[in-house]
Amino acid sequence: MPDPTAAQQAAIEASIGSAQRIAMRIVDLPKDKREAGIEFVRRNYADALEKFGIDGEQARAWLELRIKEIRSLISEIEASGGTEGRA
């Protein structure tokens, strides 16, 4: 695979940063509210895809991948003690 262009690299970094910020916001929620936070994010992504006319199998796969990424980041934050003191 060829190296990404500067624009592609910037888009990748922005995407990763966005997922990290979302995960941090969800971790700030009480544990019993986190699933609702994830579903809120899922709906927002799905609404954006629909708004821009992006649908089909690839769109669904992308959405599921993003949610999986956010869940993974949440787990990493929790494992590192990032939720200390939260119920």
PDB file of N, CA and C in Angstrom:
ATOM      1  N   MET A   1       0.848  -1.182   0.000  1.00  0.00           N
ATOM      2  CA  MET A   1       0.000   0.000   0.000  1.00  0.00           C
ATOM      3  C   MET A   1       0.888   1.238   0.000  1.00  0.00           C
ATOM      4  N   PRO A   2       0.599   2.171  -0.877  1.00  0.00           N
ATOM      5  CA  PRO A   2       1.421   3.381  -0.934  1.00  0.00           C
ATOM      6  C   PRO A   2       1.205   4.254   0.300  1.00  0.00           C
ATOM      7  N   ASP A   3       2.216   5.053   0.607  1.00  0.00           N
ATOM      8  CA  ASP A   3       2.085   5.981   1.732  1.00  0.00           C
ATOM      9  C   ASP A   3       0.965   6.980   1.438  1.00  0.00           C
ATOM     10  N   PRO A   4       0.233   7.373   2.503  1.00  0.00           N
ATOM     11  CA  PRO A   4      -0.838   8.350   2.276  1.00  0.00           C
ATOM     12  C   PRO A   4      -0.269   9.725   1.925  1.00  0.00           C
ATOM     13  N   THR A   5      -1.055  10.464   1.163  1.00  0.00           N
ATOM     14  CA  THR A   5      -0.672  11.845   0.859  1.00  0.00           C
ATOM     15  C   THR A   5      -0.807  12.668   2.136  1.00  0.00           C
ATOM     16  N   ALA A   6      -0.311  13.876   2.104  1.00  0.00           N
ATOM     17  CA  ALA A   6      -0.417  14.751   3.277  1.00  0.00           C
ATOM     18  C   ALA A   6      -1.885  14.980   3.639  1.00  0.00           C
ATOM     19  N   ALA A   7      -2.735  15.161   2.643  1.00  0.00           N
ATOM     20  CA  ALA A   7      -4.161  15.376   2.896  1.00  0.00           C
ATOM     21  C   ALA A   7      -4.808  14.120   3.494  1.00  0.00           C
ATOM     22  N   GLN A   8      -4.431  12.965   2.976  1.00  0.00           N
ATOM     23  CA  GLN A   8      -4.970  11.716   3.508  1.00  0.00           C
ATOM     24  C   GLN A   8      -4.496  11.495   4.940  1.00  0.00           C
ATOM     25  N   GLN A   9      -3.238  11.777   5.212  1.00  0.00           N
ATOM     26  CA  GLN A   9      -2.697  11.626   6.566  1.00  0.00           C
ATOM     27  C   GLN A   9      -3.420  12.567   7.528  1.00  0.00           C
ATOM     28  N   ALA A  10      -3.688  13.782   7.100  1.00  0.00           N
ATOM     29  CA  ALA A  10      -4.415  14.734   7.949  1.00  0.00           C
ATOM     30  C   ALA A  10      -5.826  14.228   8.240  1.00  0.00           C
ATOM     31  N   ALA A  11      -6.473  13.646   7.238  1.00  0.00           N
ATOM     32  CA  ALA A  11      -7.818  13.102   7.435  1.00  0.00           C
ATOM     33  C   ALA A  11      -7.791  11.915   8.397  1.00  0.00           C
ATOM     34  N   ILE A  12      -6.781  11.064   8.277  1.00  0.00           N
ATOM     35  CA  ILE A  12      -6.634   9.921   9.190  1.00  0.00           C
ATOM     36  C   ILE A  12      -6.449  10.412  10.620  1.00  0.00           C
ATOM     37  N   GLU A  13      -5.554  11.367  10.800  1.00  0.00           N
ATOM     38  CA  GLU A  13      -5.291  11.892  12.139  1.00  0.00           C
ATOM     39  C   GLU A  13      -6.526  12.578  12.730  1.00  0.00           C
ATOM     40  N   ALA A  14      -7.270  13.287  11.902  1.00  0.00           N
ATOM     41  CA  ALA A  14      -8.492  13.936  12.376  1.00  0.00           C
ATOM     42  C   ALA A  14      -9.519  12.897  12.805  1.00  0.00           C
ATOM     43  N   SER A  15      -9.629  11.829  12.049  1.00  0.00           N
ATOM     44  CA  SER A  15     -10.569  10.762  12.375  1.00  0.00           C
ATOM     45  C   SER A  15     -10.205  10.090  13.693  1.00  0.00           C
ATOM     46  N   ILE A  16      -8.931   9.803  13.873  1.00  0.00           N
ATOM     47  CA  ILE A  16      -8.472   9.183  15.124  1.00  0.00           C
ATOM     48  C   ILE A  16      -8.705  10.128  16.295  1.00  0.00           C
ATOM     49  N   GLY A  17      -8.385  11.371  16.118  1.00  0.00           N
ATOM     50  CA  GLY A  17      -8.595  12.361  17.176  1.00  0.00           C
ATOM     51  C   GLY A  17     -10.061  12.493  17.546  1.00  0.00           C
ATOM     52  N   SER A  18     -10.912  12.464  16.553  1.00  0.00           N
ATOM     53  CA  SER A  18     -12.351  12.544  16.789  1.00  0.00           C
ATOM     54  C   SER A  18     -12.827  11.357  17.623  1.00  0.00           C
ATOM     55  N   ALA A  19     -12.404  10.159  17.269  1.00  0.00           N
ATOM     56  CA  ALA A  19     -12.802   8.962  18.008  1.00  0.00           C
ATOM     57  C   ALA A  19     -12.299   9.036  19.447  1.00  0.00           C
ATOM     58  N   GLN A  20     -11.083   9.526  19.637  1.00  0.00           N
ATOM     59  CA  GLN A  20     -10.531   9.654  20.985  1.00  0.00           C
ATOM     60  C   GLN A  20     -11.335  10.653  21.820  1.00  0.00           C
ATOM     61  N   ARG A  21     -11.701  11.775  21.232  1.00  0.00           N
ATOM     62  CA  ARG A  21     -12.493  12.776  21.962  1.00  0.00           C
ATOM     63  C   ARG A  21     -13.862  12.224  22.326  1.00  0.00           C
ATOM     64  N   ILE A  22     -14.480  11.514  21.390  1.00  0.00           N
ATOM     65  CA  ILE A  22     -15.788  10.917  21.656  1.00  0.00           C
ATOM     66  C   ILE A  22     -15.676   9.908  22.792  1.00  0.00           C
ATOM     67  N   ALA A  23     -14.671   9.049  22.740  1.00  0.00           N
ATOM     68  CA  ALA A  23     -14.487   8.046  23.788  1.00  0.00           C
ATOM     69  C   ALA A  23     -14.281   8.711  25.147  1.00  0.00           C
ATOM     70  N   MET A  24     -13.495   9.760  25.197  1.00  0.00           N
ATOM     71  CA  MET A  24     -13.265  10.472  26.462  1.00  0.00           C
ATOM     72  C   MET A  24     -14.561  11.071  27.005  1.00  0.00           C
ATOM     73  N   ARG A  25     -15.377  11.616  26.122  1.00  0.00           N
ATOM     74  CA  ARG A  25     -16.665  12.178  26.570  1.00  0.00           C
ATOM     75  C   ARG A  25     -17.560  11.084  27.138  1.00  0.00           C
ATOM     76  N   ILE A  26     -17.561   9.924  26.495  1.00  0.00           N
ATOM     77  CA  ILE A  26     -18.400   8.817  26.971  1.00  0.00           C
ATOM     78  C   ILE A  26     -17.869   8.282  28.297  1.00  0.00           C
ATOM     79  N   VAL A  27     -16.557   8.196  28.437  1.00  0.00           N
ATOM     80  CA  VAL A  27     -15.973   7.728  29.697  1.00  0.00           C
ATOM     81  C   VAL A  27     -16.324   8.678  30.841  1.00  0.00           C
ATOM     82  N   ASP A  28     -16.512   9.940  30.531  1.00  0.00           N
ATOM     83  CA  ASP A  28     -16.893  10.905  31.563  1.00  0.00           C
ATOM     84  C   ASP A  28     -18.312  10.667  32.080  1.00  0.00           C
ATOM     85  N   LEU A  29     -19.099   9.896  31.340  1.00  0.00           N
ATOM     86  CA  LEU A  29     -20.462   9.577  31.784  1.00  0.00           C
ATOM     87  C   LEU A  29     -20.411   8.499  32.872  1.00  0.00           C
ATOM     88  N   PRO A  30     -21.417   8.464  33.740  1.00  0.00           N
ATOM     89  CA  PRO A  30     -21.499   7.339  34.671  1.00  0.00           C
ATOM     90  C   PRO A  30     -21.615   6.041  33.867  1.00  0.00           C
ATOM     91  N   LYS A  31     -21.092   4.947  34.415  1.00  0.00           N
ATOM     92  CA  LYS A  31     -21.067   3.671  33.685  1.00  0.00           C
ATOM     93  C   LYS A  31     -22.444   3.273  33.176  1.00  0.00           C
ATOM     94  N   ASP A  32     -23.485   3.546  33.958  1.00  0.00           N
ATOM     95  CA  ASP A  32     -24.822   3.132  33.532  1.00  0.00           C
ATOM     96  C   ASP A  32     -25.397   4.001  32.416  1.00  0.00           C
ATOM     97  N   LYS A  33     -24.706   5.055  32.029  1.00  0.00           N
ATOM     98  CA  LYS A  33     -25.147   5.941  30.948  1.00  0.00           C
ATOM     99  C   LYS A  33     -24.282   5.804  29.687  1.00  0.00           C
ATOM    100  N   ARG A  34     -23.224   5.041  29.759  1.00  0.00           N
ATOM    101  CA  ARG A  34     -22.280   4.964  28.632  1.00  0.00           C
ATOM    102  C   ARG A  34     -22.884   4.316  27.398  1.00  0.00           C
ATOM    103  N   GLU A  35     -23.653   3.269  27.583  1.00  0.00           N
ATOM    104  CA  GLU A  35     -24.261   2.606  26.421  1.00  0.00           C
ATOM    105  C   GLU A  35     -25.185   3.576  25.689  1.00  0.00           C
ATOM    106  N   ALA A  36     -25.926   4.384  26.444  1.00  0.00           N
ATOM    107  CA  ALA A  36     -26.782   5.397  25.815  1.00  0.00           C
ATOM    108  C   ALA A  36     -25.928   6.417  25.057  1.00  0.00           C
ATOM    109  N   GLY A  37     -24.768   6.746  25.596  1.00  0.00           N
ATOM    110  CA  GLY A  37     -23.861   7.662  24.912  1.00  0.00           C
ATOM    111  C   GLY A  37     -23.364   7.092  23.599  1.00  0.00           C
ATOM    112  N   ILE A  38     -23.032   5.809  23.604  1.00  0.00           N
ATOM    113  CA  ILE A  38     -22.580   5.151  22.380  1.00  0.00           C
ATOM    114  C   ILE A  38     -23.705   5.122  21.354  1.00  0.00           C
ATOM    115  N   GLU A  39     -24.917   4.834  21.792  1.00  0.00           N
ATOM    116  CA  GLU A  39     -26.051   4.805  20.863  1.00  0.00           C
ATOM    117  C   GLU A  39     -26.358   6.194  20.314  1.00  0.00           C
ATOM    118  N   PHE A  40     -26.147   7.227  21.120  1.00  0.00           N
ATOM    119  CA  PHE A  40     -26.305   8.609  20.651  1.00  0.00           C
ATOM    120  C   PHE A  40     -25.321   8.885  19.517  1.00  0.00           C
ATOM    121  N   VAL A  41     -24.079   8.464  19.715  1.00  0.00           N
ATOM    122  CA  VAL A  41     -23.051   8.646  18.680  1.00  0.00           C
ATOM    123  C   VAL A  41     -23.424   7.867  17.423  1.00  0.00           C
ATOM    124  N   ARG A  42     -23.883   6.621  17.598  1.00  0.00           N
ATOM    125  CA  ARG A  42     -24.289   5.802  16.453  1.00  0.00           C
ATOM    126  C   ARG A  42     -25.385   6.505  15.646  1.00  0.00           C
ATOM    127  N   ARG A  43     -26.387   7.026  16.334  1.00  0.00           N
ATOM    128  CA  ARG A  43     -27.481   7.726  15.641  1.00  0.00           C
ATOM    129  C   ARG A  43     -26.967   8.958  14.897  1.00  0.00           C
ATOM    130  N   ASN A  44     -26.065   9.696  15.532  1.00  0.00           N
ATOM    131  CA  ASN A  44     -25.521  10.887  14.869  1.00  0.00           C
ATOM    132  C   ASN A  44     -24.742  10.535  13.607  1.00  0.00           C
ATOM    133  N   TYR A  45     -23.918   9.499  13.693  1.00  0.00           N
ATOM    134  CA  TYR A  45     -23.199   9.055  12.501  1.00  0.00           C
ATOM    135  C   TYR A  45     -24.182   8.575  11.426  1.00  0.00           C
ATOM    136  N   ALA A  46     -25.170   7.778  11.830  1.00  0.00           N
ATOM    137  CA  ALA A  46     -26.149   7.263  10.860  1.00  0.00           C
ATOM    138  C   ALA A  46     -26.915   8.411  10.210  1.00  0.00           C
ATOM    139  N   ASP A  47     -27.295   9.412  10.998  1.00  0.00           N
ATOM    140  CA  ASP A  47     -27.998  10.574  10.451  1.00  0.00           C
ATOM    141  C   ASP A  47     -27.122  11.322   9.451  1.00  0.00           C
ATOM    142  N   ALA A  48     -25.837  11.469   9.776  1.00  0.00           N
ATOM    143  CA  ALA A  48     -24.924  12.166   8.861  1.00  0.00           C
ATOM    144  C   ALA A  48     -24.761  11.394   7.556  1.00  0.00           C
ATOM    145  N   LEU A  49     -24.629  10.075   7.663  1.00  0.00           N
ATOM    146  CA  LEU A  49     -24.518   9.264   6.445  1.00  0.00           C
ATOM    147  C   LEU A  49     -25.765   9.434   5.582  1.00  0.00           C
ATOM    148  N   GLU A  50     -26.923   9.396   6.220  1.00  0.00           N
ATOM    149  CA  GLU A  50     -28.182   9.551   5.482  1.00  0.00           C
ATOM    150  C   GLU A  50     -28.281  10.934   4.850  1.00  0.00           C
ATOM    151  N   LYS A  51     -27.920  11.950   5.613  1.00  0.00           N
ATOM    152  CA  LYS A  51     -27.980  13.333   5.119  1.00  0.00           C
ATOM    153  C   LYS A  51     -27.151  13.507   3.839  1.00  0.00           C
ATOM    154  N   PHE A  52     -26.011  12.841   3.787  1.00  0.00           N
ATOM    155  CA  PHE A  52     -25.136  12.972   2.625  1.00  0.00           C
ATOM    156  C   PHE A  52     -25.371  11.895   1.579  1.00  0.00           C
ATOM    157  N   GLY A  53     -26.444  11.125   1.761  1.00  0.00           N
ATOM    158  CA  GLY A  53     -26.818  10.132   0.763  1.00  0.00           C
ATOM    159  C   GLY A  53     -25.879   8.942   0.694  1.00  0.00           C
ATOM    160  N   ILE A  54     -25.224   8.647   1.798  1.00  0.00           N
ATOM    161  CA  ILE A  54     -24.301   7.517   1.838  1.00  0.00           C
ATOM    162  C   ILE A  54     -25.027   6.357   2.504  1.00  0.00           C
ATOM    163  N   ASP A  55     -25.243   5.289   1.732  1.00  0.00           N
ATOM    164  CA  ASP A  55     -25.942   4.150   2.306  1.00  0.00           C
ATOM    165  C   ASP A  55     -25.380   2.858   1.737  1.00  0.00           C
ATOM    166  N   GLY A  56     -25.969   1.774   2.090  1.00  0.00           N
ATOM    167  CA  GLY A  56     -25.513   0.492   1.568  1.00  0.00           C
ATOM    168  C   GLY A  56     -24.593  -0.222   2.533  1.00  0.00           C
ATOM    169  N   GLU A  57     -24.082  -1.335   2.066  1.00  0.00           N
ATOM    170  CA  GLU A  57     -23.251  -2.216   2.897  1.00  0.00           C
ATOM    171  C   GLU A  57     -21.985  -1.522   3.395  1.00  0.00           C
ATOM    172  N   GLN A  58     -21.335  -0.757   2.537  1.00  0.00           N
ATOM    173  CA  GLN A  58     -20.109  -0.075   2.962  1.00  0.00           C
ATOM    174  C   GLN A  58     -20.392   0.944   4.057  1.00  0.00           C
ATOM    175  N   ALA A  59     -21.485   1.664   3.949  1.00  0.00           N
ATOM    176  CA  ALA A  59     -21.838   2.648   4.971  1.00  0.00           C
ATOM    177  C   ALA A  59     -22.104   1.959   6.304  1.00  0.00           C
ATOM    178  N   ARG A  60     -22.845   0.853   6.268  1.00  0.00           N
ATOM    179  CA  ARG A  60     -23.127   0.110   7.502  1.00  0.00           C
ATOM    180  C   ARG A  60     -21.839  -0.450   8.102  1.00  0.00           C
ATOM    181  N   ALA A  61     -20.964  -0.957   7.258  1.00  0.00           N
ATOM    182  CA  ALA A  61     -19.689  -1.500   7.735  1.00  0.00           C
ATOM    183  C   ALA A  61     -18.837  -0.402   8.361  1.00  0.00           C
ATOM    184  N   TRP A  62     -18.804   0.771   7.719  1.00  0.00           N
ATOM    185  CA  TRP A  62     -18.045   1.898   8.258  1.00  0.00           C
ATOM    186  C   TRP A  62     -18.600   2.295   9.620  1.00  0.00           C
ATOM    187  N   LEU A  63     -19.909   2.382   9.731  1.00  0.00           N
ATOM    188  CA  LEU A  63     -20.543   2.770  10.985  1.00  0.00           C
ATOM    189  C   LEU A  63     -20.191   1.776  12.091  1.00  0.00           C
ATOM    190  N   GLU A  64     -20.295   0.497  11.798  1.00  0.00           N
ATOM    191  CA  GLU A  64     -19.980  -0.522  12.801  1.00  0.00           C
ATOM    192  C   GLU A  64     -18.500  -0.466  13.196  1.00  0.00           C
ATOM    193  N   LEU A  65     -17.633  -0.199  12.239  1.00  0.00           N
ATOM    194  CA  LEU A  65     -16.210  -0.087  12.525  1.00  0.00           C
ATOM    195  C   LEU A  65     -15.932   1.098  13.443  1.00  0.00           C
ATOM    196  N   ARG A  66     -16.581   2.228  13.180  1.00  0.00           N
ATOM    197  CA  ARG A  66     -16.404   3.413  14.036  1.00  0.00           C
ATOM    198  C   ARG A  66     -16.860   3.134  15.460  1.00  0.00           C
ATOM    199  N   ILE A  67     -18.011   2.489  15.608  1.00  0.00           N
ATOM    200  CA  ILE A  67     -18.526   2.190  16.943  1.00  0.00           C
ATOM    201  C   ILE A  67     -17.602   1.205  17.646  1.00  0.00           C
ATOM    202  N   LYS A  68     -17.101   0.225  16.922  1.00  0.00           N
ATOM    203  CA  LYS A  68     -16.162  -0.740  17.503  1.00  0.00           C
ATOM    204  C   LYS A  68     -14.891  -0.022  17.958  1.00  0.00           C
ATOM    205  N   GLU A  69     -14.414   0.916  17.151  1.00  0.00           N
ATOM    206  CA  GLU A  69     -13.226   1.698  17.491  1.00  0.00           C
ATOM    207  C   GLU A  69     -13.455   2.493  18.774  1.00  0.00           C
ATOM    208  N   ILE A  70     -14.599   3.130  18.878  1.00  0.00           N
ATOM    209  CA  ILE A  70     -14.916   3.927  20.065  1.00  0.00           C
ATOM    210  C   ILE A  70     -15.024   3.022  21.295  1.00  0.00           C
ATOM    211  N   ARG A  71     -15.698   1.875  21.153  1.00  0.00           N
ATOM    212  CA  ARG A  71     -15.793   0.928  22.274  1.00  0.00           C
ATOM    213  C   ARG A  71     -14.391   0.471  22.715  1.00  0.00           C
ATOM    214  N   SER A  72     -13.530   0.203  21.761  1.00  0.00           N
ATOM    215  CA  SER A  72     -12.170  -0.219  22.076  1.00  0.00           C
ATOM    216  C   SER A  72     -11.418   0.873  22.828  1.00  0.00           C
ATOM    217  N   LEU A  73     -11.553   2.098  22.375  1.00  0.00           N
ATOM    218  CA  LEU A  73     -10.898   3.215  23.056  1.00  0.00           C
ATOM    219  C   LEU A  73     -11.437   3.384  24.477  1.00  0.00           C
ATOM    220  N   ILE A  74     -12.743   3.221  24.646  1.00  0.00           N
ATOM    221  CA  ILE A  74     -13.335   3.309  25.979  1.00  0.00           C
ATOM    222  C   ILE A  74     -12.726   2.238  26.883  1.00  0.00           C
ATOM    223  N   SER A  75     -12.604   1.029  26.378  1.00  0.00           N
ATOM    224  CA  SER A  75     -12.003  -0.065  27.156  1.00  0.00           C
ATOM    225  C   SER A  75     -10.561   0.258  27.529  1.00  0.00           C
ATOM    226  N   GLU A  76      -9.810   0.811  26.588  1.00  0.00           N
ATOM    227  CA  GLU A  76      -8.420   1.184  26.873  1.00  0.00           C
ATOM    228  C   GLU A  76      -8.343   2.259  27.952  1.00  0.00           C
ATOM    229  N   ILE A  77      -9.219   3.238  27.871  1.00  0.00           N
ATOM    230  CA  ILE A  77      -9.236   4.314  28.859  1.00  0.00           C
ATOM    231  C   ILE A  77      -9.581   3.754  30.233  1.00  0.00           C
ATOM    232  N   GLU A  78     -10.586   2.884  30.281  1.00  0.00           N
ATOM    233  CA  GLU A  78     -10.979   2.266  31.547  1.00  0.00           C
ATOM    234  C   GLU A  78      -9.833   1.433  32.121  1.00  0.00           C
ATOM    235  N   ALA A  79      -9.162   0.661  31.275  1.00  0.00           N
ATOM    236  CA  ALA A  79      -8.072  -0.207  31.717  1.00  0.00           C
ATOM    237  C   ALA A  79      -6.888   0.602  32.244  1.00  0.00           C
ATOM    238  N   SER A  80      -6.717   1.803  31.729  1.00  0.00           N
ATOM    239  CA  SER A  80      -5.599   2.639  32.152  1.00  0.00           C
ATOM    240  C   SER A  80      -5.931   3.434  33.416  1.00  0.00           C
ATOM    241  N   GLY A  81      -7.143   3.235  33.932  1.00  0.00           N
ATOM    242  CA  GLY A  81      -7.542   3.951  35.143  1.00  0.00           C
ATOM    243  C   GLY A  81      -8.156   5.299  34.867  1.00  0.00           C
ATOM    244  N   GLY A  82      -8.509   5.549  33.633  1.00  0.00           N
ATOM    245  CA  GLY A  82      -9.081   6.841  33.255  1.00  0.00           C
ATOM    246  C   GLY A  82     -10.464   7.098  33.815  1.00  0.00           C
ATOM    247  N   THR A  83     -11.054   6.107  34.469  1.00  0.00           N
ATOM    248  CA  THR A  83     -12.402   6.292  35.030  1.00  0.00           C
ATOM    249  C   THR A  83     -12.380   6.225  36.547  1.00  0.00           C
ATOM    250  N   GLU A  84     -11.207   6.355  37.128  1.00  0.00           N
ATOM    251  CA  GLU A  84     -11.077   6.238  38.569  1.00  0.00           C
ATOM    252  C   GLU A  84     -12.027   7.172  39.299  1.00  0.00           C
ATOM    253  N   GLY A  85     -12.734   6.607  40.266  1.00  0.00           N
ATOM    254  CA  GLY A  85     -13.645   7.416  41.064  1.00  0.00           C
ATOM    255  C   GLY A  85     -15.026   7.574  40.471  1.00  0.00           C
ATOM    256  N   ARG A  86     -15.260   7.020  39.310  1.00  0.00           N
ATOM    257  CA  ARG A  86     -16.579   7.138  38.681  1.00  0.00           C
ATOM    258  C   ARG A  86     -17.377   5.886  38.970  1.00  0.00           C
ATOM    259  N   ALA A  87     -18.661   6.086  39.165  1.00  0.00           N
ATOM    260  CA  ALA A  87     -19.534   4.937  39.453  1.00  0.00           C
ATOM    261  C   ALA A  87     -19.968   4.247  38.193  1.00  0.00           C
TER     262      ALA A  87
END
